[in-house]
Amino acid sequence: MKIIILGSTGSGKGTQAKFISKLLKLEHIDVGKHFRKIANKNKKIKEYIMNGILVPDRVVLNLINKLIKNKKNYILDGFPRNLSQAKKFHDKVDLVLFLKVNKKNLIIRLLKRRREDDNLDNIHERFKVYLKQTLPVIRYYSKKKVLVTVNGNSSIKNVSKEIKKIFRN
C-alpha cells in the first residue's frame, strides 16, 4: 500500500505517519527529516528551511524518486507540497490522508516543539505558503477520489483512533 499524509506543519503528520507505519507495516518516509539532514551540508537548502520557503520542485522530486525507488509499500510524510509536485509525481498512491488542523492549534503545537525553525514569524510564513500551495494539492487528490480528511485538532490518541477506523474498513 502506498499512502501520502498531508497537513500543515504541526498537524501531526509525522506522529500519525509513524502510527500508520507500525499499524500497516509500511516504511515511513519523512521528507522533512531528509531535507533537514541535507540542510546540515547544503547552505541553500538550509536557507529555504530557515525562512519557511519550499525547496524547489526539481530538488524535491529528485529526492522523492530516490527515496521510493523499488518500494511497494510506504507512507510519504511531507510530500507533495504543491500542485506541480503532485502532478509530476507518477507513483500511483492508494490513499491520501489529510490531517485538518486550525491555525490556532498549529501555532500552539509548533511553539511547544522548540525546533530551530519554529518561531512565530516563520510559522506564519509557512502557514501562508501552506494555504496558497498545499490546499490545491488537497483539492487535486479529492478530485482523484483518493483523499480522506481527518480532524487533526483532537489529541494524538483520538486522531490515531480515527485513522485506525479508516483502515479497518
C-alpha atoms as a PDB file:
ATOM      1  CA  MET A   1       0.000   0.000   0.000  1.00  0.00           C
ATOM      2  CA  LYS A   2       1.216   3.487  -0.890  1.00  0.00           C
ATOM      3  CA  ILE A   3      -0.045   6.339   1.258  1.00  0.00           C
ATOM      4  CA  ILE A   4       0.577  10.072   1.359  1.00  0.00           C
ATOM      5  CA  ILE A   5      -0.135  12.032   4.532  1.00  0.00           C
ATOM      6  CA  LEU A   6      -0.805  15.755   4.143  1.00  0.00           C
ATOM      7  CA  GLY A   7      -1.380  18.630   6.522  1.00  0.00           C
ATOM      8  CA  SER A   8       0.182  21.854   7.628  1.00  0.00           C
ATOM      9  CA  THR A   9       3.394  21.920   9.618  1.00  0.00           C
ATOM     10  CA  GLY A  10       2.389  20.925  13.147  1.00  0.00           C
ATOM     11  CA  SER A  11      -0.697  18.976  12.078  1.00  0.00           C
ATOM     12  CA  GLY A  12       0.720  15.723  13.435  1.00  0.00           C
ATOM     13  CA  LYS A  13       1.750  14.208  10.105  1.00  0.00           C
ATOM     14  CA  GLY A  14       4.954  12.714  11.484  1.00  0.00           C
ATOM     15  CA  THR A  15       3.305  11.287  14.581  1.00  0.00           C
ATOM     16  CA  GLN A  16       0.431   9.760  12.638  1.00  0.00           C
ATOM     17  CA  ALA A  17       2.704   8.546   9.830  1.00  0.00           C
ATOM     18  CA  LYS A  18       4.730   6.609  12.423  1.00  0.00           C
ATOM     19  CA  PHE A  19       1.487   5.177  13.827  1.00  0.00           C
ATOM     20  CA  ILE A  20       0.273   4.121  10.351  1.00  0.00           C
ATOM     21  CA  SER A  21       3.710   2.747   9.512  1.00  0.00           C
ATOM     22  CA  LYS A  22       3.542   0.393  12.510  1.00  0.00           C
ATOM     23  CA  LEU A  23      -0.146  -0.404  12.032  1.00  0.00           C
ATOM     24  CA  LEU A  24       0.207  -1.387   8.367  1.00  0.00           C
ATOM     25  CA  LYS A  25       3.899  -2.337   8.340  1.00  0.00           C
ATOM     26  CA  LEU A  26       4.830   0.364   5.820  1.00  0.00           C
ATOM     27  CA  GLU A  27       8.091   2.252   5.515  1.00  0.00           C
ATOM     28  CA  HIS A  28       7.719   5.793   6.874  1.00  0.00           C
ATOM     29  CA  ILE A  29       9.464   8.255   4.565  1.00  0.00           C
ATOM     30  CA  ASP A  30       9.764  11.599   6.382  1.00  0.00           C
ATOM     31  CA  VAL A  31      10.666  14.052   3.620  1.00  0.00           C
ATOM     32  CA  GLY A  32      11.199  16.979   6.017  1.00  0.00           C
ATOM     33  CA  LYS A  33      13.650  14.930   8.081  1.00  0.00           C
ATOM     34  CA  HIS A  34      15.627  14.061   4.948  1.00  0.00           C
ATOM     35  CA  PHE A  35      15.780  17.732   3.955  1.00  0.00           C
ATOM     36  CA  ARG A  36      16.845  18.813   7.453  1.00  0.00           C
ATOM     37  CA  LYS A  37      19.714  16.293   7.185  1.00  0.00           C
ATOM     38  CA  ILE A  38      20.658  17.655   3.760  1.00  0.00           C
ATOM     39  CA  ALA A  39      20.467  21.223   5.139  1.00  0.00           C
ATOM     40  CA  ASN A  40      23.339  20.441   7.505  1.00  0.00           C
ATOM     41  CA  LYS A  41      25.583  20.149   4.439  1.00  0.00           C
ATOM     42  CA  ASN A  42      23.792  22.391   1.946  1.00  0.00           C
ATOM     43  CA  LYS A  43      23.622  26.103   2.775  1.00  0.00           C
ATOM     44  CA  LYS A  44      20.963  26.906   0.143  1.00  0.00           C
ATOM     45  CA  ILE A  45      18.600  24.170   1.380  1.00  0.00           C
ATOM     46  CA  LYS A  46      19.124  25.358   4.955  1.00  0.00           C
ATOM     47  CA  GLU A  47      18.235  28.900   3.859  1.00  0.00           C
ATOM     48  CA  TYR A  48      14.944  27.686   2.377  1.00  0.00           C
ATOM     49  CA  ILE A  49      14.033  25.775   5.516  1.00  0.00           C
ATOM     50  CA  MET A  50      15.018  28.521   7.952  1.00  0.00           C
ATOM     51  CA  ASN A  51      12.882  31.038   6.041  1.00  0.00           C
ATOM     52  CA  GLY A  52       9.841  28.776   5.776  1.00  0.00           C
ATOM     53  CA  ILE A  53      10.130  28.629   1.975  1.00  0.00           C
ATOM     54  CA  LEU A  54       9.511  25.477  -0.045  1.00  0.00           C
ATOM     55  CA  VAL A  55      12.538  23.786  -1.603  1.00  0.00           C
ATOM     56  CA  PRO A  56      12.355  23.927  -5.462  1.00  0.00           C
ATOM     57  CA  ASP A  57      10.276  21.172  -7.089  1.00  0.00           C
ATOM     58  CA  ARG A  58      13.091  19.641  -9.146  1.00  0.00           C
ATOM     59  CA  VAL A  59      15.187  19.156  -5.983  1.00  0.00           C
ATOM     60  CA  VAL A  60      12.237  17.692  -4.072  1.00  0.00           C
ATOM     61  CA  LEU A  61      11.151  15.333  -6.865  1.00  0.00           C
ATOM     62  CA  ASN A  62      14.714  14.138  -7.345  1.00  0.00           C
ATOM     63  CA  LEU A  63      14.950  13.240  -3.645  1.00  0.00           C
ATOM     64  CA  ILE A  64      11.487  11.606  -3.601  1.00  0.00           C
ATOM     65  CA  ASN A  65      12.296   9.427  -6.590  1.00  0.00           C
ATOM     66  CA  LYS A  66      15.467   8.219  -4.844  1.00  0.00           C
ATOM     67  CA  LEU A  67      13.598   7.556  -1.580  1.00  0.00           C
ATOM     68  CA  ILE A  68      10.766   5.491  -3.121  1.00  0.00           C
ATOM     69  CA  LYS A  69      12.773   3.665  -5.766  1.00  0.00           C
ATOM     70  CA  ASN A  70      11.717  -0.019  -5.858  1.00  0.00           C
ATOM     71  CA  LYS A  71       9.389   0.361  -2.858  1.00  0.00           C
ATOM     72  CA  LYS A  72       5.957  -1.266  -2.941  1.00  0.00           C
ATOM     73  CA  ASN A  73       4.733  -0.115   0.473  1.00  0.00           C
ATOM     74  CA  TYR A  74       5.322   3.243   2.096  1.00  0.00           C
ATOM     75  CA  ILE A  75       3.812   6.270   3.714  1.00  0.00           C
ATOM     76  CA  LEU A  76       5.135   9.578   2.403  1.00  0.00           C
ATOM     77  CA  ASP A  77       5.141  12.302   5.035  1.00  0.00           C
ATOM     78  CA  GLY A  78       5.584  15.905   3.857  1.00  0.00           C
ATOM     79  CA  PHE A  79       5.154  15.458   0.107  1.00  0.00           C
ATOM     80  CA  PRO A  80       3.764  16.779  -2.195  1.00  0.00           C
ATOM     81  CA  ARG A  81       3.735  20.376  -1.005  1.00  0.00           C
ATOM     82  CA  ASN A  82       2.291  21.976  -4.132  1.00  0.00           C
ATOM     83  CA  LEU A  83       0.147  21.122  -7.136  1.00  0.00           C
ATOM     84  CA  SER A  84       3.107  20.936  -9.506  1.00  0.00           C
ATOM     85  CA  GLN A  85       4.771  18.286  -7.321  1.00  0.00           C
ATOM     86  CA  ALA A  86       1.516  16.308  -7.094  1.00  0.00           C
ATOM     87  CA  LYS A  87       1.049  16.321 -10.859  1.00  0.00           C
ATOM     88  CA  LYS A  88       4.680  15.363 -11.548  1.00  0.00           C
ATOM     89  CA  PHE A  89       4.628  12.520  -9.008  1.00  0.00           C
ATOM     90  CA  HIS A  90       3.900   9.432 -11.073  1.00  0.00           C
ATOM     91  CA  ASP A  91       3.838   6.692  -8.447  1.00  0.00           C
ATOM     92  CA  LYS A  92       0.206   5.612  -8.007  1.00  0.00           C
ATOM     93  CA  VAL A  93      -0.935   6.104  -4.422  1.00  0.00           C
ATOM     94  CA  ASP A  94      -3.752   4.145  -2.794  1.00  0.00           C
ATOM     95  CA  LEU A  95      -4.747   6.754  -0.230  1.00  0.00           C
ATOM     96  CA  VAL A  96      -4.048  10.372   0.638  1.00  0.00           C
ATOM     97  CA  LEU A  97      -4.761  11.223   4.268  1.00  0.00           C
ATOM     98  CA  PHE A  98      -5.299  14.892   5.104  1.00  0.00           C
ATOM     99  CA  LEU A  99      -4.938  15.987   8.741  1.00  0.00           C
ATOM    100  CA  LYS A 100      -7.000  19.149   9.011  1.00  0.00           C
ATOM    101  CA  VAL A 101      -5.974  21.378  11.952  1.00  0.00           C
ATOM    102  CA  ASN A 102      -6.930  25.000  12.644  1.00  0.00           C
ATOM    103  CA  LYS A 103      -4.245  27.723  12.715  1.00  0.00           C
ATOM    104  CA  LYS A 104      -4.535  28.409  16.467  1.00  0.00           C
ATOM    105  CA  ASN A 105      -3.774  24.763  17.321  1.00  0.00           C
ATOM    106  CA  LEU A 106      -0.923  24.664  14.811  1.00  0.00           C
ATOM    107  CA  ILE A 107       0.770  27.683  16.385  1.00  0.00           C
ATOM    108  CA  ILE A 108       0.448  26.220  19.900  1.00  0.00           C
ATOM    109  CA  ARG A 109       1.871  22.867  18.783  1.00  0.00           C
ATOM    110  CA  LEU A 110       4.763  24.353  16.812  1.00  0.00           C
ATOM    111  CA  LEU A 111       5.884  26.676  19.590  1.00  0.00           C
ATOM    112  CA  LYS A 112       5.882  23.732  22.030  1.00  0.00           C
ATOM    113  CA  ARG A 113       8.143  21.523  19.936  1.00  0.00           C
ATOM    114  CA  ARG A 114      11.030  24.061  20.040  1.00  0.00           C
ATOM    115  CA  ARG A 115      12.704  23.275  16.761  1.00  0.00           C
ATOM    116  CA  GLU A 116      15.213  25.798  15.425  1.00  0.00           C
ATOM    117  CA  ASP A 117      12.952  26.848  12.549  1.00  0.00           C
ATOM    118  CA  ASP A 118       9.790  27.125  14.712  1.00  0.00           C
ATOM    119  CA  ASN A 119       9.480  30.818  15.525  1.00  0.00           C
ATOM    120  CA  LEU A 120       6.304  32.901  15.203  1.00  0.00           C
ATOM    121  CA  ASP A 121       7.328  34.747  12.021  1.00  0.00           C
ATOM    122  CA  ASN A 122       8.393  31.519  10.340  1.00  0.00           C
ATOM    123  CA  ILE A 123       5.202  29.744  11.461  1.00  0.00           C
ATOM    124  CA  HIS A 124       3.023  32.479   9.948  1.00  0.00           C
ATOM    125  CA  GLU A 125       5.047  32.353   6.712  1.00  0.00           C
ATOM    126  CA  ARG A 126       4.765  28.555   6.496  1.00  0.00           C
ATOM    127  CA  PHE A 127       1.013  28.780   7.086  1.00  0.00           C
ATOM    128  CA  LYS A 128       0.631  31.317   4.239  1.00  0.00           C
ATOM    129  CA  VAL A 129       2.672  29.063   1.946  1.00  0.00           C
ATOM    130  CA  TYR A 130       0.575  26.077   3.044  1.00  0.00           C
ATOM    131  CA  LEU A 131      -2.719  27.851   2.265  1.00  0.00           C
ATOM    132  CA  LYS A 132      -1.504  29.053  -1.107  1.00  0.00           C
ATOM    133  CA  GLN A 133       0.378  25.973  -2.302  1.00  0.00           C
ATOM    134  CA  THR A 134      -0.749  22.881  -0.411  1.00  0.00           C
ATOM    135  CA  LEU A 135      -4.528  23.356  -0.328  1.00  0.00           C
ATOM    136  CA  PRO A 136      -4.723  22.954  -4.135  1.00  0.00           C
ATOM    137  CA  VAL A 137      -2.994  19.570  -3.650  1.00  0.00           C
ATOM    138  CA  ILE A 138      -5.809  18.543  -1.318  1.00  0.00           C
ATOM    139  CA  ARG A 139      -8.413  19.528  -3.940  1.00  0.00           C
ATOM    140  CA  TYR A 140      -6.379  17.651  -6.595  1.00  0.00           C
ATOM    141  CA  TYR A 141      -6.408  14.375  -4.635  1.00  0.00           C
ATOM    142  CA  SER A 142     -10.033  14.891  -3.676  1.00  0.00           C
ATOM    143  CA  LYS A 143     -10.960  15.021  -7.375  1.00  0.00           C
ATOM    144  CA  LYS A 144      -8.989  11.791  -7.872  1.00  0.00           C
ATOM    145  CA  LYS A 145     -11.155  10.255  -5.119  1.00  0.00           C
ATOM    146  CA  VAL A 146      -8.212   9.052  -3.005  1.00  0.00           C
ATOM    147  CA  LEU A 147      -8.425  11.744  -0.289  1.00  0.00           C
ATOM    148  CA  VAL A 148      -9.676  11.087   3.230  1.00  0.00           C
ATOM    149  CA  THR A 149      -9.861  14.025   5.654  1.00  0.00           C
ATOM    150  CA  VAL A 150      -9.312  13.513   9.386  1.00  0.00           C
ATOM    151  CA  ASN A 151      -9.964  16.149  12.051  1.00  0.00           C
ATOM    152  CA  GLY A 152      -6.479  16.637  13.465  1.00  0.00           C
ATOM    153  CA  ASN A 153      -7.492  19.139  16.176  1.00  0.00           C
ATOM    154  CA  SER A 154      -8.043  16.393  18.725  1.00  0.00           C
ATOM    155  CA  SER A 155      -5.486  14.569  20.874  1.00  0.00           C
ATOM    156  CA  ILE A 156      -2.908  12.274  19.298  1.00  0.00           C
ATOM    157  CA  LYS A 157      -4.742   9.269  20.699  1.00  0.00           C
ATOM    158  CA  ASN A 158      -8.118  10.336  19.275  1.00  0.00           C
ATOM    159  CA  VAL A 159      -6.671  11.160  15.856  1.00  0.00           C
ATOM    160  CA  SER A 160      -4.966   7.744  15.807  1.00  0.00           C
ATOM    161  CA  LYS A 161      -8.311   6.089  16.651  1.00  0.00           C
ATOM    162  CA  GLU A 162      -9.978   7.889  13.721  1.00  0.00           C
ATOM    163  CA  ILE A 163      -7.194   6.810  11.394  1.00  0.00           C
ATOM    164  CA  LYS A 164      -7.386   3.218  12.613  1.00  0.00           C
ATOM    165  CA  LYS A 165     -11.110   3.182  11.706  1.00  0.00           C
ATOM    166  CA  ILE A 166     -10.231   4.164   8.131  1.00  0.00           C
ATOM    167  CA  PHE A 167      -8.006   1.141   7.716  1.00  0.00           C
ATOM    168  CA  ARG A 168     -10.490  -1.262   9.290  1.00  0.00           C
ATOM    169  CA  ASN A 169     -12.978  -0.571   6.501  1.00  0.00           C
END
